[in-house]
Protein backbone atom coordinates (compact mmCIF):
# COMPACT_ATOMS: atom_id res chain seq x y z
CA MET A 1 14.48 70.58 21.83
CA LYS A 2 15.63 74.16 21.34
CA THR A 3 13.40 76.47 19.31
CA THR A 4 15.15 78.37 16.52
CA GLY A 5 14.36 81.82 15.21
CA SER A 6 13.06 80.18 12.07
CA ASP A 7 10.70 77.99 14.11
CA ARG A 8 9.39 81.03 15.97
CA ALA A 9 8.92 82.96 12.73
CA THR A 10 7.03 80.05 11.17
CA SER A 11 4.84 79.71 14.25
CA PHE A 12 4.09 83.45 14.24
CA MET A 13 3.28 83.38 10.52
CA GLU A 14 0.90 80.45 11.02
CA ALA A 15 -0.76 82.22 13.94
CA LEU A 16 -1.19 85.40 11.85
CA GLN A 17 -2.76 83.37 9.03
CA ALA A 18 -5.09 81.70 11.54
CA LEU A 19 -6.03 85.14 12.90
CA GLU A 20 -6.94 86.33 9.41
CA GLN A 21 -8.99 83.19 8.70
CA ASN A 22 -10.69 82.68 12.08
CA LYS A 23 -10.84 86.29 13.29
CA ASP A 24 -9.67 85.09 16.73
CA PRO A 25 -6.62 86.88 18.20
CA GLU A 26 -5.98 84.26 20.93
CA THR A 27 -3.45 82.14 19.03
CA LEU A 28 -1.44 85.16 17.98
CA ALA A 29 -1.69 86.83 21.39
CA ALA A 30 -0.14 83.70 22.90
CA HIS A 31 3.13 84.65 21.17
CA PHE A 32 3.42 87.72 23.41
CA THR A 33 4.34 88.03 27.06
CA ASP A 34 2.06 89.59 29.66
CA ASP A 35 4.18 92.74 29.58
CA ALA A 36 4.37 93.01 25.78
CA THR A 37 4.13 96.44 24.16
CA LEU A 38 2.92 97.00 20.60
CA GLU A 39 2.74 100.32 18.81
CA ARG A 40 0.71 101.10 15.71
CA LEU A 41 1.96 103.47 13.04
CA THR A 42 -0.53 105.91 14.53
CA HIS A 43 1.67 105.82 17.66
CA LYS A 44 -1.08 104.29 19.76
CA THR A 45 0.58 102.04 22.35
CA TYR A 46 -0.80 98.69 23.45
CA GLU A 47 0.52 97.10 26.65
CA GLY A 48 -0.13 93.65 28.07
CA GLN A 49 -2.07 90.62 26.87
CA GLU A 50 -5.48 92.32 26.76
CA ASP A 51 -4.12 95.19 24.67
CA VAL A 52 -2.34 92.69 22.40
CA ARG A 53 -5.73 91.08 21.74
CA ARG A 54 -7.22 94.53 21.07
CA PHE A 55 -4.34 95.39 18.69
CA TRP A 56 -4.89 92.26 16.61
CA GLY A 57 -8.68 92.69 16.75
CA GLU A 58 -8.28 96.18 15.31
CA TYR A 59 -5.90 94.75 12.72
CA LEU A 60 -8.76 92.49 11.58
CA GLU A 61 -11.39 95.24 11.24
CA PRO A 62 -10.63 96.10 7.58
CA PHE A 63 -10.95 92.41 6.67
CA ASN A 64 -14.59 92.45 7.83
CA ASP A 65 -15.43 94.70 4.88
CA LEU A 66 -13.89 92.19 2.47
CA ALA A 67 -15.92 89.20 3.63
């Protein structure tokens, strides 16, 4: 069965919600390829799976203060 853009968006949204609840970037990182590149508004660049995990881990840091 072919995956639609809507299916991918829903899967990403669910993975982001899981990240926020479980504080585990693995599910969300799985949506990215090994050569993925992310860039924060601070212009810090993240490349590859390990950096993707770091990016989402840093994304979670402010939530730790809310718990």
